[in-house]
N, C-alpha and C. Protein backbone atom coordinates (compact mmCIF):
# COMPACT_ATOMS: atom_id res chain seq x y z
N MET A 1 78.40 57.65 109.66
CA MET A 1 77.38 58.35 110.46
C MET A 1 78.05 59.35 111.39
N LYS A 2 77.46 60.53 111.45
CA LYS A 2 78.08 61.60 112.22
C LYS A 2 77.30 61.92 113.50
N LYS A 3 78.00 62.58 114.42
CA LYS A 3 77.37 63.12 115.62
C LYS A 3 77.55 64.64 115.60
N ALA A 4 76.52 65.34 116.03
CA ALA A 4 76.58 66.79 116.07
C ALA A 4 76.08 67.29 117.41
N ILE A 5 76.64 68.41 117.85
CA ILE A 5 76.15 69.05 119.07
C ILE A 5 75.63 70.44 118.69
N VAL A 6 74.47 70.78 119.21
CA VAL A 6 73.80 72.03 118.84
C VAL A 6 73.59 72.90 120.08
N TYR A 7 73.97 74.16 119.96
CA TYR A 7 73.71 75.15 121.00
C TYR A 7 72.72 76.17 120.45
N GLY A 8 71.72 76.51 121.27
CA GLY A 8 70.71 77.46 120.82
C GLY A 8 69.52 76.79 120.17
N ALA A 9 69.30 75.52 120.51
CA ALA A 9 68.24 74.74 119.87
C ALA A 9 66.84 75.22 120.22
N SER A 10 66.71 76.07 121.22
CA SER A 10 65.38 76.58 121.58
C SER A 10 65.04 77.86 120.82
N GLY A 11 66.01 78.41 120.10
CA GLY A 11 65.80 79.65 119.36
C GLY A 11 65.23 79.41 117.98
N LEU A 12 64.99 80.50 117.26
CA LEU A 12 64.33 80.40 115.95
C LEU A 12 65.17 79.61 114.95
N VAL A 13 66.39 80.04 114.70
CA VAL A 13 67.25 79.33 113.74
C VAL A 13 67.71 78.00 114.33
N GLY A 14 68.08 78.00 115.60
CA GLY A 14 68.58 76.78 116.23
C GLY A 14 67.58 75.65 116.23
N SER A 15 66.30 75.98 116.41
CA SER A 15 65.27 74.93 116.41
C SER A 15 65.16 74.28 115.04
N TYR A 16 65.34 75.08 113.99
CA TYR A 16 65.29 74.51 112.63
C TYR A 16 66.56 73.73 112.31
N ILE A 17 67.70 74.16 112.86
CA ILE A 17 68.93 73.37 112.69
C ILE A 17 68.72 71.99 113.31
N LEU A 18 68.18 71.97 114.52
CA LEU A 18 67.92 70.70 115.20
C LEU A 18 66.97 69.83 114.39
N GLU A 19 65.88 70.41 113.94
CA GLU A 19 64.89 69.67 113.16
C GLU A 19 65.50 69.10 111.88
N THR A 20 66.34 69.90 111.21
CA THR A 20 66.97 69.47 109.96
C THR A 20 67.96 68.34 110.21
N LEU A 21 68.72 68.44 111.28
CA LEU A 21 69.70 67.40 111.60
C LEU A 21 69.03 66.09 112.00
N LEU A 22 67.95 66.19 112.77
CA LEU A 22 67.25 64.97 113.21
C LEU A 22 66.66 64.20 112.03
N SER A 23 66.28 64.91 110.99
CA SER A 23 65.68 64.26 109.82
C SER A 23 66.72 63.82 108.79
N ASN A 24 68.00 64.07 109.08
CA ASN A 24 69.08 63.73 108.16
C ASN A 24 69.64 62.36 108.51
N ASN A 25 69.58 61.46 107.56
CA ASN A 25 69.99 60.07 107.80
C ASN A 25 71.50 59.90 107.98
N ASN A 26 72.27 60.96 107.72
CA ASN A 26 73.72 60.86 107.87
C ASN A 26 74.19 61.11 109.30
N TYR A 27 73.24 61.40 110.17
CA TYR A 27 73.59 61.66 111.57
C TYR A 27 72.98 60.58 112.46
N GLU A 28 73.81 60.04 113.36
CA GLU A 28 73.33 59.00 114.26
C GLU A 28 72.90 59.56 115.61
N GLN A 29 73.44 60.73 115.97
CA GLN A 29 73.05 61.34 117.25
C GLN A 29 73.21 62.85 117.17
N ILE A 30 72.20 63.53 117.74
CA ILE A 30 72.23 64.98 117.86
C ILE A 30 72.14 65.31 119.35
N ILE A 31 73.15 65.99 119.86
CA ILE A 31 73.18 66.39 121.26
C ILE A 31 72.83 67.87 121.33
N ILE A 32 71.93 68.23 122.21
CA ILE A 32 71.63 69.64 122.41
C ILE A 32 71.92 70.03 123.85
N VAL A 33 72.40 71.25 124.01
CA VAL A 33 72.62 71.81 125.36
C VAL A 33 71.63 72.96 125.52
N VAL A 34 70.72 72.81 126.45
CA VAL A 34 69.66 73.80 126.65
C VAL A 34 69.48 74.09 128.14
N ARG A 35 68.93 75.27 128.43
CA ARG A 35 68.70 75.63 129.83
C ARG A 35 67.48 74.91 130.41
N LYS A 36 66.49 74.66 129.53
CA LYS A 36 65.27 73.98 129.96
C LYS A 36 64.96 72.86 128.98
N ASP A 37 64.38 71.81 129.49
CA ASP A 37 64.00 70.66 128.67
C ASP A 37 63.02 71.10 127.59
N LEU A 38 63.29 70.74 126.34
CA LEU A 38 62.41 71.13 125.24
C LEU A 38 61.22 70.18 125.10
N ASN A 39 61.18 69.15 125.93
CA ASN A 39 60.09 68.16 125.87
C ASN A 39 59.96 67.54 124.48
N MET A 40 61.11 67.24 123.89
CA MET A 40 61.14 66.59 122.58
C MET A 40 61.61 65.15 122.75
N GLN A 41 60.99 64.27 121.99
CA GLN A 41 61.38 62.87 121.99
C GLN A 41 61.79 62.46 120.58
N HIS A 42 62.97 61.91 120.46
CA HIS A 42 63.45 61.42 119.17
C HIS A 42 64.56 60.41 119.45
N PRO A 43 64.59 59.31 118.73
CA PRO A 43 65.61 58.27 119.02
C PRO A 43 67.05 58.76 118.85
N LYS A 44 67.25 59.81 118.06
CA LYS A 44 68.61 60.30 117.84
C LYS A 44 68.98 61.47 118.76
N LEU A 45 68.02 61.93 119.55
CA LEU A 45 68.22 63.14 120.33
C LEU A 45 68.71 62.84 121.75
N ARG A 46 69.74 63.58 122.16
CA ARG A 46 70.23 63.52 123.53
C ARG A 46 70.25 64.95 124.07
N SER A 47 69.50 65.20 125.13
CA SER A 47 69.39 66.54 125.69
C SER A 47 70.21 66.67 126.97
N LEU A 48 70.98 67.74 127.04
CA LEU A 48 71.75 68.05 128.24
C LEU A 48 71.25 69.39 128.78
N ILE A 49 70.89 69.41 130.05
CA ILE A 49 70.34 70.62 130.65
C ILE A 49 71.42 71.34 131.45
N GLY A 50 71.70 72.57 131.06
CA GLY A 50 72.72 73.34 131.75
C GLY A 50 72.89 74.71 131.14
N ASP A 51 73.91 75.44 131.60
CA ASP A 51 74.18 76.77 131.07
C ASP A 51 75.68 77.00 131.02
N PHE A 52 76.06 78.24 130.80
CA PHE A 52 77.47 78.60 130.68
C PHE A 52 78.30 78.13 131.88
N HIS A 53 77.74 78.29 133.07
CA HIS A 53 78.49 78.00 134.29
C HIS A 53 78.70 76.50 134.52
N SER A 54 77.79 75.69 134.02
CA SER A 54 77.91 74.24 134.22
C SER A 54 78.45 73.51 132.99
N LEU A 55 78.75 74.29 131.95
CA LEU A 55 79.05 73.68 130.65
C LEU A 55 80.25 72.76 130.65
N THR A 56 81.34 73.17 131.28
CA THR A 56 82.58 72.38 131.22
C THR A 56 82.36 70.96 131.74
N ASP A 57 81.69 70.82 132.87
CA ASP A 57 81.41 69.50 133.42
C ASP A 57 80.33 68.78 132.62
N LEU A 58 79.38 69.55 132.11
CA LEU A 58 78.25 68.97 131.40
C LEU A 58 78.67 68.21 130.14
N VAL A 59 79.63 68.75 129.41
CA VAL A 59 80.00 68.15 128.12
C VAL A 59 81.37 67.49 128.14
N LYS A 60 81.90 67.23 129.33
CA LYS A 60 83.27 66.71 129.42
C LYS A 60 83.46 65.37 128.74
N ASP A 61 82.38 64.60 128.60
CA ASP A 61 82.48 63.29 127.94
C ASP A 61 81.77 63.26 126.59
N VAL A 62 81.38 64.43 126.09
CA VAL A 62 80.61 64.49 124.84
C VAL A 62 81.55 64.63 123.65
N GLU A 63 81.43 63.69 122.73
CA GLU A 63 82.21 63.74 121.49
C GLU A 63 81.28 63.95 120.32
N ALA A 64 81.67 64.84 119.41
CA ALA A 64 80.86 65.11 118.22
C ALA A 64 81.78 65.48 117.07
N ASP A 65 81.32 65.22 115.87
CA ASP A 65 82.09 65.57 114.67
C ASP A 65 81.95 67.05 114.34
N GLU A 66 80.76 67.59 114.65
CA GLU A 66 80.44 68.97 114.27
C GLU A 66 79.76 69.68 115.43
N ILE A 67 79.94 71.00 115.48
CA ILE A 67 79.23 71.81 116.46
C ILE A 67 78.51 72.95 115.75
N TYR A 68 77.24 73.10 116.08
CA TYR A 68 76.41 74.16 115.51
C TYR A 68 76.06 75.13 116.64
N ILE A 69 76.35 76.42 116.41
CA ILE A 69 76.13 77.42 117.46
C ILE A 69 75.17 78.49 116.95
N ALA A 70 74.01 78.57 117.58
CA ALA A 70 73.01 79.59 117.23
C ALA A 70 72.55 80.29 118.49
N LEU A 71 73.52 80.67 119.31
CA LEU A 71 73.23 81.33 120.58
C LEU A 71 73.11 82.84 120.39
N GLY A 72 72.30 83.46 121.22
CA GLY A 72 72.19 84.91 121.14
C GLY A 72 71.09 85.40 122.05
N THR A 73 71.13 86.69 122.34
CA THR A 73 70.09 87.29 123.17
C THR A 73 69.74 88.64 122.59
N THR A 74 68.95 89.41 123.30
CA THR A 74 68.59 90.76 122.89
C THR A 74 68.85 91.72 124.04
N GLN A 75 68.96 93.00 123.73
CA GLN A 75 69.18 93.98 124.78
C GLN A 75 67.98 94.07 125.72
N LYS A 76 66.79 93.79 125.19
CA LYS A 76 65.59 93.82 126.02
C LYS A 76 65.62 92.70 127.05
N LYS A 77 66.01 91.49 126.62
CA LYS A 77 66.07 90.34 127.52
C LYS A 77 67.27 90.42 128.45
N THR A 78 68.37 90.99 127.94
CA THR A 78 69.62 91.04 128.70
C THR A 78 70.19 92.45 128.64
N PRO A 79 69.64 93.36 129.43
CA PRO A 79 70.10 94.76 129.36
C PRO A 79 71.52 94.98 129.89
N ASP A 80 71.96 94.13 130.80
CA ASP A 80 73.31 94.26 131.35
C ASP A 80 74.34 93.79 130.31
N LYS A 81 75.27 94.68 129.94
CA LYS A 81 76.22 94.36 128.88
C LYS A 81 77.15 93.20 129.24
N LYS A 82 77.47 93.07 130.52
CA LYS A 82 78.32 91.96 130.94
C LYS A 82 77.61 90.63 130.72
N ASP A 83 76.34 90.55 131.08
CA ASP A 83 75.57 89.32 130.88
C ASP A 83 75.36 89.07 129.39
N TYR A 84 75.12 90.13 128.64
CA TYR A 84 74.92 90.03 127.20
C TYR A 84 76.17 89.45 126.54
N TYR A 85 77.33 89.97 126.93
CA TYR A 85 78.59 89.53 126.35
C TYR A 85 78.86 88.06 126.67
N GLN A 86 78.47 87.67 127.88
CA GLN A 86 78.66 86.27 128.26
C GLN A 86 77.86 85.33 127.36
N ILE A 87 76.63 85.71 127.04
CA ILE A 87 75.76 84.88 126.20
C ILE A 87 76.20 84.90 124.74
N ASP A 88 76.54 86.09 124.24
CA ASP A 88 76.84 86.23 122.81
C ASP A 88 78.29 85.96 122.46
N HIS A 89 79.19 86.04 123.42
CA HIS A 89 80.61 85.80 123.14
C HIS A 89 81.19 84.63 123.95
N ASP A 90 81.17 84.77 125.28
CA ASP A 90 81.86 83.78 126.12
C ASP A 90 81.30 82.37 125.96
N TYR A 91 79.99 82.28 125.92
CA TYR A 91 79.34 80.96 125.81
C TYR A 91 79.66 80.28 124.48
N PRO A 92 79.47 80.96 123.32
CA PRO A 92 79.82 80.31 122.05
C PRO A 92 81.29 79.91 121.96
N VAL A 93 82.17 80.78 122.45
CA VAL A 93 83.61 80.48 122.35
C VAL A 93 83.97 79.28 123.23
N LEU A 94 83.45 79.25 124.46
CA LEU A 94 83.71 78.12 125.34
C LEU A 94 83.13 76.83 124.77
N ALA A 95 81.92 76.90 124.24
CA ALA A 95 81.29 75.71 123.65
C ALA A 95 82.13 75.16 122.51
N ALA A 96 82.63 76.06 121.66
CA ALA A 96 83.45 75.64 120.53
C ALA A 96 84.78 75.05 121.01
N GLN A 97 85.37 75.68 122.00
CA GLN A 97 86.65 75.20 122.54
C GLN A 97 86.51 73.79 123.11
N LEU A 98 85.47 73.57 123.89
CA LEU A 98 85.25 72.25 124.50
C LEU A 98 84.96 71.18 123.46
N ALA A 99 84.21 71.55 122.42
CA ALA A 99 83.91 70.59 121.35
C ALA A 99 85.18 70.21 120.60
N LYS A 100 86.02 71.19 120.33
CA LYS A 100 87.27 70.90 119.60
C LYS A 100 88.18 69.99 120.43
N GLU A 101 88.22 70.24 121.73
CA GLU A 101 89.04 69.40 122.60
C GLU A 101 88.59 67.95 122.59
N LYS A 102 87.32 67.72 122.29
CA LYS A 102 86.78 66.35 122.23
C LYS A 102 86.72 65.82 120.80
N GLY A 103 87.36 66.52 119.87
CA GLY A 103 87.52 65.96 118.53
C GLY A 103 86.68 66.55 117.41
N ALA A 104 85.88 67.55 117.69
CA ALA A 104 85.07 68.15 116.62
C ALA A 104 85.97 68.78 115.56
N LYS A 105 85.64 68.57 114.30
CA LYS A 105 86.45 69.07 113.19
C LYS A 105 85.88 70.33 112.56
N SER A 106 84.56 70.53 112.69
CA SER A 106 83.90 71.64 112.00
C SER A 106 82.99 72.40 112.95
N VAL A 107 82.99 73.72 112.81
CA VAL A 107 82.10 74.56 113.61
C VAL A 107 81.29 75.45 112.67
N PHE A 108 79.99 75.55 112.96
CA PHE A 108 79.07 76.36 112.16
C PHE A 108 78.45 77.39 113.10
N LEU A 109 78.73 78.66 112.85
CA LEU A 109 78.32 79.72 113.75
C LEU A 109 77.32 80.66 113.08
N VAL A 110 76.18 80.88 113.75
CA VAL A 110 75.23 81.88 113.29
C VAL A 110 75.64 83.21 113.90
N SER A 111 76.09 84.12 113.07
CA SER A 111 76.51 85.43 113.51
C SER A 111 75.51 86.47 113.00
N SER A 112 75.98 87.58 112.50
CA SER A 112 75.07 88.61 112.02
C SER A 112 75.78 89.51 111.02
N ILE A 113 75.03 89.99 110.05
CA ILE A 113 75.59 90.95 109.11
C ILE A 113 76.09 92.17 109.90
N GLY A 114 77.22 92.70 109.49
CA GLY A 114 77.78 93.85 110.18
C GLY A 114 78.74 93.50 111.30
N ALA A 115 78.90 92.20 111.58
CA ALA A 115 79.85 91.80 112.63
C ALA A 115 81.22 92.38 112.32
N ASN A 116 81.80 93.07 113.29
CA ASN A 116 83.06 93.76 113.03
C ASN A 116 83.79 94.00 114.34
N VAL A 117 84.91 93.35 114.49
CA VAL A 117 85.68 93.44 115.74
C VAL A 117 86.13 94.87 116.00
N ASN A 118 86.22 95.70 114.96
CA ASN A 118 86.69 97.07 115.11
C ASN A 118 85.57 98.09 115.26
N SER A 119 84.33 97.60 115.32
CA SER A 119 83.19 98.52 115.43
C SER A 119 83.18 99.22 116.78
N SER A 120 82.68 100.44 116.79
CA SER A 120 82.53 101.18 118.05
C SER A 120 81.17 100.90 118.69
N ILE A 121 80.34 100.12 118.00
CA ILE A 121 79.01 99.79 118.50
C ILE A 121 79.05 98.42 119.15
N PHE A 122 78.46 98.28 120.31
CA PHE A 122 78.59 97.08 121.14
C PHE A 122 78.16 95.80 120.42
N TYR A 123 76.97 95.81 119.78
CA TYR A 123 76.44 94.58 119.19
C TYR A 123 77.33 94.02 118.07
N PRO A 124 77.62 94.80 117.01
CA PRO A 124 78.48 94.24 115.95
C PRO A 124 79.90 93.93 116.43
N LYS A 125 80.38 94.71 117.41
CA LYS A 125 81.73 94.44 117.94
C LYS A 125 81.75 93.10 118.66
N THR A 126 80.70 92.83 119.46
CA THR A 126 80.61 91.55 120.17
C THR A 126 80.57 90.39 119.19
N LYS A 127 79.74 90.51 118.16
CA LYS A 127 79.65 89.46 117.14
C LYS A 127 81.00 89.26 116.46
N GLY A 128 81.68 90.37 116.17
CA GLY A 128 82.98 90.28 115.52
C GLY A 128 84.01 89.59 116.40
N GLU A 129 83.99 89.88 117.69
CA GLU A 129 84.94 89.25 118.61
C GLU A 129 84.65 87.76 118.78
N THR A 130 83.37 87.41 118.74
CA THR A 130 83.00 85.98 118.80
C THR A 130 83.53 85.25 117.59
N GLU A 131 83.31 85.83 116.41
CA GLU A 131 83.84 85.22 115.18
C GLU A 131 85.36 85.06 115.26
N ARG A 132 86.03 86.13 115.63
CA ARG A 132 87.50 86.11 115.69
C ARG A 132 88.01 85.02 116.62
N ASP A 133 87.41 84.93 117.80
CA ASP A 133 87.93 83.99 118.80
C ASP A 133 87.60 82.54 118.46
N ILE A 134 86.52 82.31 117.74
CA ILE A 134 86.21 80.95 117.30
C ILE A 134 87.12 80.57 116.13
N ILE A 135 87.39 81.52 115.24
CA ILE A 135 88.34 81.25 114.15
C ILE A 135 89.71 80.89 114.73
N ASP A 136 90.10 81.60 115.80
CA ASP A 136 91.41 81.37 116.42
C ASP A 136 91.54 79.98 117.05
N LEU A 137 90.42 79.30 117.27
CA LEU A 137 90.48 77.95 117.82
C LEU A 137 91.02 76.94 116.81
N ASP A 138 91.05 77.35 115.55
CA ASP A 138 91.71 76.58 114.49
C ASP A 138 91.05 75.22 114.21
N PHE A 139 89.74 75.24 114.02
CA PHE A 139 89.05 74.03 113.54
C PHE A 139 89.50 73.73 112.12
N ASP A 140 89.29 72.50 111.68
CA ASP A 140 89.56 72.17 110.28
C ASP A 140 88.70 73.05 109.37
N HIS A 141 87.45 73.29 109.81
CA HIS A 141 86.52 74.13 109.03
C HIS A 141 85.72 75.02 109.98
N THR A 142 85.75 76.31 109.73
CA THR A 142 84.95 77.27 110.48
C THR A 142 84.06 78.03 109.48
N TYR A 143 82.76 77.76 109.54
CA TYR A 143 81.82 78.41 108.63
C TYR A 143 80.95 79.37 109.44
N ILE A 144 80.99 80.63 109.04
CA ILE A 144 80.28 81.69 109.76
C ILE A 144 79.17 82.25 108.88
N PHE A 145 77.97 82.23 109.40
CA PHE A 145 76.80 82.67 108.65
C PHE A 145 76.35 84.03 109.17
N ARG A 146 76.25 84.99 108.24
CA ARG A 146 75.89 86.36 108.61
C ARG A 146 74.56 86.77 107.96
N PRO A 147 73.45 86.32 108.49
CA PRO A 147 72.16 86.74 107.93
C PRO A 147 71.87 88.19 108.27
N SER A 148 71.02 88.80 107.46
CA SER A 148 70.50 90.13 107.76
C SER A 148 69.23 89.94 108.58
N MET A 149 68.08 90.34 108.09
CA MET A 149 66.84 90.11 108.82
C MET A 149 66.46 88.63 108.75
N ILE A 150 66.25 88.02 109.91
CA ILE A 150 65.84 86.62 109.97
C ILE A 150 64.31 86.58 110.03
N LEU A 151 63.71 86.03 108.99
CA LEU A 151 62.25 85.99 108.89
C LEU A 151 61.71 84.70 109.50
N GLY A 152 60.51 84.75 110.02
CA GLY A 152 59.90 83.57 110.65
C GLY A 152 59.24 83.98 111.95
N ASN A 153 58.48 83.08 112.52
CA ASN A 153 57.71 83.39 113.72
C ASN A 153 58.40 82.86 114.98
N ARG A 154 58.81 83.78 115.83
CA ARG A 154 59.43 83.40 117.09
C ARG A 154 58.35 83.05 118.11
N LYS A 155 58.74 82.24 119.10
CA LYS A 155 57.83 81.91 120.19
C LYS A 155 57.61 83.12 121.09
N GLU A 156 58.68 83.89 121.27
CA GLU A 156 58.57 85.08 122.12
C GLU A 156 58.03 86.26 121.31
N ASN A 157 57.45 87.20 122.01
CA ASN A 157 56.84 88.35 121.36
C ASN A 157 57.84 89.49 121.22
N ARG A 158 58.13 89.87 119.98
CA ARG A 158 59.01 91.00 119.71
C ARG A 158 58.29 91.94 118.74
N PRO A 159 57.44 92.84 119.26
CA PRO A 159 56.61 93.70 118.41
C PRO A 159 57.39 94.51 117.38
N LEU A 160 58.50 95.13 117.81
CA LEU A 160 59.28 95.95 116.89
C LEU A 160 59.88 95.11 115.77
N GLU A 161 60.33 93.91 116.12
CA GLU A 161 60.90 93.03 115.11
C GLU A 161 59.86 92.63 114.09
N LYS A 162 58.62 92.43 114.52
CA LYS A 162 57.53 92.09 113.59
C LYS A 162 57.33 93.20 112.57
N VAL A 163 57.42 94.44 113.02
CA VAL A 163 57.28 95.58 112.11
C VAL A 163 58.41 95.58 111.09
N PHE A 164 59.63 95.36 111.56
CA PHE A 164 60.78 95.32 110.66
C PHE A 164 60.65 94.20 109.63
N LYS A 165 60.12 93.08 110.04
CA LYS A 165 59.96 91.95 109.12
C LYS A 165 58.99 92.29 107.99
N ILE A 166 57.93 93.00 108.33
CA ILE A 166 56.96 93.43 107.31
C ILE A 166 57.64 94.37 106.32
N ILE A 167 58.42 95.32 106.86
CA ILE A 167 59.13 96.27 106.01
C ILE A 167 60.13 95.55 105.13
N TRP A 168 60.85 94.59 105.73
CA TRP A 168 61.89 93.87 105.00
C TRP A 168 61.32 93.11 103.80
N LYS A 169 60.17 92.52 103.97
CA LYS A 169 59.57 91.76 102.87
C LYS A 169 59.22 92.68 101.70
N VAL A 170 58.91 93.94 102.02
CA VAL A 170 58.59 94.91 100.97
C VAL A 170 59.85 95.37 100.25
N VAL A 171 60.91 95.65 101.02
CA VAL A 171 62.13 96.20 100.42
C VAL A 171 63.10 95.13 99.93
N ASN A 172 62.85 93.88 100.27
CA ASN A 172 63.77 92.80 99.88
C ASN A 172 64.16 92.83 98.39
N PRO A 173 63.19 93.00 97.47
CA PRO A 173 63.54 93.00 96.04
C PRO A 173 64.46 94.14 95.64
N LEU A 174 64.56 95.17 96.48
CA LEU A 174 65.38 96.33 96.15
C LEU A 174 66.86 96.09 96.41
N PHE A 175 67.15 95.06 97.21
CA PHE A 175 68.54 94.74 97.53
C PHE A 175 69.14 93.89 96.41
N ILE A 176 69.84 94.53 95.50
CA ILE A 176 70.43 93.81 94.37
C ILE A 176 71.93 94.08 94.33
N GLY A 177 72.63 93.27 93.56
CA GLY A 177 74.07 93.43 93.45
C GLY A 177 74.76 93.25 94.78
N ASN A 178 75.64 94.18 95.13
CA ASN A 178 76.38 94.10 96.39
C ASN A 178 75.48 94.25 97.61
N LEU A 179 74.28 94.80 97.39
CA LEU A 179 73.35 94.98 98.50
C LEU A 179 72.55 93.72 98.82
N SER A 180 72.72 92.68 98.01
CA SER A 180 71.93 91.45 98.20
C SER A 180 72.16 90.82 99.57
N ARG A 181 73.31 91.08 100.15
CA ARG A 181 73.60 90.49 101.47
C ARG A 181 72.65 91.00 102.55
N TYR A 182 71.95 92.11 102.27
CA TYR A 182 71.01 92.67 103.24
C TYR A 182 69.60 92.09 103.11
N LYS A 183 69.42 91.19 102.17
CA LYS A 183 68.10 90.58 102.01
C LYS A 183 67.76 89.70 103.21
N GLY A 184 66.49 89.73 103.59
CA GLY A 184 66.03 88.87 104.67
C GLY A 184 65.89 87.44 104.17
N LEU A 185 65.99 86.50 105.08
CA LEU A 185 65.89 85.09 104.72
C LEU A 185 65.14 84.35 105.83
N GLU A 186 64.28 83.43 105.43
CA GLU A 186 63.51 82.66 106.40
C GLU A 186 64.46 81.83 107.28
N ALA A 187 64.12 81.74 108.55
CA ALA A 187 64.96 81.00 109.49
C ALA A 187 65.16 79.55 109.07
N ILE A 188 64.12 78.94 108.55
CA ILE A 188 64.24 77.54 108.14
C ILE A 188 65.22 77.40 106.97
N SER A 189 65.26 78.41 106.10
CA SER A 189 66.20 78.38 104.97
C SER A 189 67.63 78.56 105.44
N ILE A 190 67.82 79.44 106.42
CA ILE A 190 69.16 79.63 106.99
C ILE A 190 69.65 78.32 107.61
N ALA A 191 68.77 77.67 108.36
CA ALA A 191 69.13 76.41 109.01
C ALA A 191 69.50 75.34 107.99
N LYS A 192 68.71 75.21 106.94
CA LYS A 192 68.98 74.20 105.92
C LYS A 192 70.29 74.50 105.19
N ALA A 193 70.55 75.78 104.94
CA ALA A 193 71.81 76.16 104.30
C ALA A 193 73.00 75.79 105.18
N ILE A 194 72.86 76.01 106.47
CA ILE A 194 73.94 75.70 107.40
C ILE A 194 74.23 74.20 107.41
N VAL A 195 73.19 73.40 107.52
CA VAL A 195 73.38 71.94 107.54
C VAL A 195 73.91 71.45 106.19
N ASN A 196 73.40 72.01 105.10
CA ASN A 196 73.87 71.61 103.77
C ASN A 196 75.34 71.95 103.56
N SER A 197 75.80 73.01 104.20
CA SER A 197 77.19 73.42 104.01
C SER A 197 78.17 72.38 104.55
N ALA A 198 77.69 71.54 105.46
CA ALA A 198 78.55 70.50 106.03
C ALA A 198 78.99 69.48 104.98
N TYR A 199 78.33 69.49 103.83
CA TYR A 199 78.70 68.57 102.75
C TYR A 199 79.55 69.24 101.69
N GLN A 200 79.86 70.51 101.90
CA GLN A 200 80.68 71.25 100.94
C GLN A 200 81.76 72.04 101.67
N LEU A 201 82.50 71.35 102.48
CA LEU A 201 83.52 72.00 103.31
C LEU A 201 84.82 72.14 102.52
N ASN A 202 84.85 73.16 101.65
CA ASN A 202 86.01 73.36 100.79
C ASN A 202 86.98 74.41 101.33
N ASP A 203 86.58 75.10 102.40
CA ASP A 203 87.40 76.18 102.93
C ASP A 203 87.67 75.96 104.42
N LYS A 204 88.81 76.46 104.86
CA LYS A 204 89.11 76.39 106.29
C LYS A 204 88.24 77.39 107.04
N VAL A 205 88.17 78.59 106.52
CA VAL A 205 87.31 79.62 107.11
C VAL A 205 86.47 80.24 105.99
N LYS A 206 85.17 80.31 106.21
CA LYS A 206 84.29 80.87 105.18
C LYS A 206 83.20 81.72 105.83
N ILE A 207 82.99 82.92 105.27
CA ILE A 207 81.91 83.80 105.71
C ILE A 207 80.81 83.73 104.67
N LEU A 208 79.58 83.45 105.10
CA LEU A 208 78.47 83.29 104.16
C LEU A 208 77.37 84.31 104.43
N TYR A 209 77.00 85.01 103.36
CA TYR A 209 75.90 85.98 103.41
C TYR A 209 74.69 85.41 102.67
N TRP A 210 73.71 86.25 102.40
CA TRP A 210 72.46 85.81 101.76
C TRP A 210 72.72 85.01 100.49
N LYS A 211 73.57 85.53 99.61
CA LYS A 211 73.81 84.87 98.32
C LYS A 211 74.39 83.48 98.52
N GLU A 212 75.40 83.37 99.37
CA GLU A 212 76.06 82.08 99.59
C GLU A 212 75.09 81.09 100.25
N MET A 213 74.23 81.59 101.13
CA MET A 213 73.27 80.71 101.78
C MET A 213 72.21 80.21 100.80
N THR A 214 71.74 81.09 99.93
CA THR A 214 70.70 80.67 98.98
C THR A 214 71.26 79.66 97.97
N VAL A 215 72.52 79.78 97.63
CA VAL A 215 73.16 78.79 96.74
C VAL A 215 73.11 77.40 97.37
N LEU A 216 73.28 77.35 98.67
CA LEU A 216 73.28 76.06 99.38
C LEU A 216 71.88 75.42 99.46
N LEU A 217 70.88 76.17 99.07
CA LEU A 217 69.50 75.64 99.12
C LEU A 217 69.10 75.00 97.80
N ARG A 218 69.93 75.13 96.79
CA ARG A 218 69.57 74.60 95.47
C ARG A 218 69.73 73.08 95.40
């Protein structure tokens, strides 16, 4: 029986990761770190309330076999680049570092297509630096998921994203061959692929796009 710790459980993909893990009989406990209580009750669930600044003390006694990271923000919610970087880079890297220090062997990171440490654009560069720094922590297994458009209904209202999702569903069939990585995927499918990958840890470091994720759903 395994223990897992999840960051970003209040988000679209993270909430499905949590749901999938709670329903999996191979896990005895799921720990989540959230800013606000999700008001969820489950015999396997342990909720820790805190943020980046309180994290070190919050999880100092938490041991888990695996860490799932689905943290992220938007420029609209976090216009200040310093705050944005803290949420999208510093927080995931610190969370992974603390989990590894307490014995975690595998890390599963939700990143984004286009992540590139050498990019001149802030968003993909930040994602790329997060990937790089988590890989450098040298887990036994580091699996990085790079979805394109994440389909599904968010709790928060993002009008522009809703428009893009409609467009994506129309153009999805056009992404074939090497372009298949740009296909949109439902958040619940991404989450299930991530959890399923924990049973096929054949690589030390692996980057997964649409094709690799859909294979994990079979």
